[in-house]
Amino acid sequence: MKRSQETALLDFCHQQRGSFDEHAWESFGEASCVELATVATYLAGVAWFGNQEKLRHVAGTLLGGKVRSFPDLAKETRFEPSRFAGLLKARLAYASAT
């Protein structure tokens, strides 16, 4: 995943944390459906982000109903979950402190 896409996804996820909208994931144009599904699948598996069920649904929709494992998606998109989580958590913490 390119850093520019990662940055756009971080901004998007930050916005989604405060006001989750399933349809916004489908219309987000700065990343591919597979990249979005990867992020949605990852976030559906962590308790700190919330909206796990909705995120699982989003991932399934983005993948056309195909079930894919997170490791396969992460490998395909070169998604770095620990990096993404750290950056997103930092943004969320900063926003809550201001």
Protein backbone atom coordinates (compact mmCIF):
# COMPACT_ATOMS: atom_id res chain seq x y z
CA MET A 1 0.00 0.00 0.00
CA LYS A 2 1.36 3.39 -0.93
CA ARG A 3 1.88 5.92 1.85
CA SER A 4 -0.49 8.38 0.16
CA GLN A 5 -3.26 5.75 0.25
CA GLU A 6 -2.40 4.89 3.84
CA THR A 7 -2.66 8.57 4.82
CA ALA A 8 -6.02 8.93 3.07
CA LEU A 9 -7.27 5.76 4.79
CA LEU A 10 -6.06 7.01 8.18
CA ASP A 11 -7.98 10.26 7.68
CA PHE A 12 -11.04 8.35 6.53
CA CYS A 13 -10.95 5.91 9.46
CA HIS A 14 -10.50 8.77 11.89
CA GLN A 15 -13.69 10.36 10.53
CA GLN A 16 -15.50 7.02 10.55
CA ARG A 17 -14.69 6.41 14.20
CA GLY A 18 -16.73 9.43 15.18
CA SER A 19 -19.56 8.98 12.69
CA PHE A 20 -19.65 5.54 11.07
CA ASP A 21 -21.30 5.33 7.65
CA GLU A 22 -21.21 1.99 5.84
CA HIS A 23 -22.02 3.58 2.48
CA ALA A 24 -19.05 5.94 2.72
CA TRP A 25 -16.74 2.93 2.50
CA GLU A 26 -18.24 1.95 -0.83
CA SER A 27 -17.83 5.44 -2.28
CA PHE A 28 -14.32 6.15 -0.94
CA GLY A 29 -12.25 6.62 -4.07
CA GLU A 30 -8.72 6.98 -2.78
CA ALA A 31 -8.06 3.25 -2.34
CA SER A 32 -9.09 0.07 -4.11
CA CYS A 33 -11.94 -2.11 -2.89
CA VAL A 34 -9.42 -4.73 -1.77
CA GLU A 35 -7.43 -2.15 0.21
CA LEU A 36 -10.59 -0.85 1.85
CA ALA A 37 -11.72 -4.39 2.61
CA THR A 38 -8.34 -5.12 4.15
CA VAL A 39 -8.62 -2.14 6.49
CA ALA A 40 -12.25 -2.94 7.31
CA THR A 41 -11.35 -6.57 8.04
CA TYR A 42 -8.49 -5.48 10.27
CA LEU A 43 -10.60 -2.96 12.18
CA ALA A 44 -13.41 -5.51 12.56
CA GLY A 45 -10.95 -7.65 14.49
CA VAL A 46 -9.91 -5.03 17.05
CA ALA A 47 -12.07 -3.97 19.97
CA TRP A 48 -10.65 -0.45 20.30
CA PHE A 49 -12.15 0.84 17.05
CA GLY A 50 -15.74 -0.34 17.48
CA ASN A 51 -18.38 -1.14 14.83
CA GLN A 52 -17.02 -4.66 14.35
CA GLU A 53 -20.20 -6.13 12.85
CA LYS A 54 -20.68 -3.22 10.48
CA LEU A 55 -17.04 -3.44 9.41
CA ARG A 56 -17.37 -7.17 8.68
CA HIS A 57 -20.39 -6.37 6.54
CA VAL A 58 -18.50 -3.59 4.74
CA ALA A 59 -15.58 -5.91 3.99
CA GLY A 60 -17.91 -8.56 2.60
CA THR A 61 -19.67 -6.02 0.42
CA LEU A 62 -16.39 -4.61 -0.89
CA LEU A 63 -15.19 -8.13 -1.73
CA GLY A 64 -18.40 -9.00 -3.56
CA GLY A 65 -19.47 -11.48 -0.89
CA LYS A 66 -16.23 -13.47 -1.10
CA VAL A 67 -14.76 -14.51 2.22
CA ARG A 68 -11.03 -13.83 2.43
CA SER A 69 -8.70 -14.13 5.38
CA PHE A 70 -7.02 -11.07 6.79
CA PRO A 71 -3.50 -12.50 6.31
CA ASP A 72 -4.21 -13.06 2.60
CA LEU A 73 -5.63 -9.56 2.19
CA ALA A 74 -2.75 -7.96 4.10
CA LYS A 75 -0.19 -9.80 2.00
CA GLU A 76 -1.89 -8.85 -1.27
CA THR A 77 -2.15 -5.17 -0.36
CA ARG A 78 1.11 -4.96 1.61
CA PHE A 79 -0.88 -3.66 4.57
CA GLU A 80 1.14 -3.20 7.76
CA PRO A 81 -1.39 -3.64 10.59
CA SER A 82 0.86 -2.62 13.48
CA ARG A 83 1.99 0.53 11.67
CA PHE A 84 -1.59 1.43 10.69
CA ALA A 85 -2.90 0.78 14.20
CA GLY A 86 -0.18 2.91 15.78
CA LEU A 87 -0.79 5.82 13.43
CA LEU A 88 -4.57 5.63 13.77
CA LYS A 89 -4.45 5.35 17.56
CA ALA A 90 -2.14 8.38 17.68
CA ARG A 91 -4.59 10.42 15.56
CA LEU A 92 -7.51 9.37 17.71
CA ALA A 93 -5.64 10.19 20.92
CA TYR A 94 -4.56 13.58 19.57
CA ALA A 95 -8.11 14.42 18.51
CA SER A 96 -9.52 13.49 21.92
CA ALA A 97 -6.89 15.61 23.68
CA THR A 98 -7.66 18.76 21.73
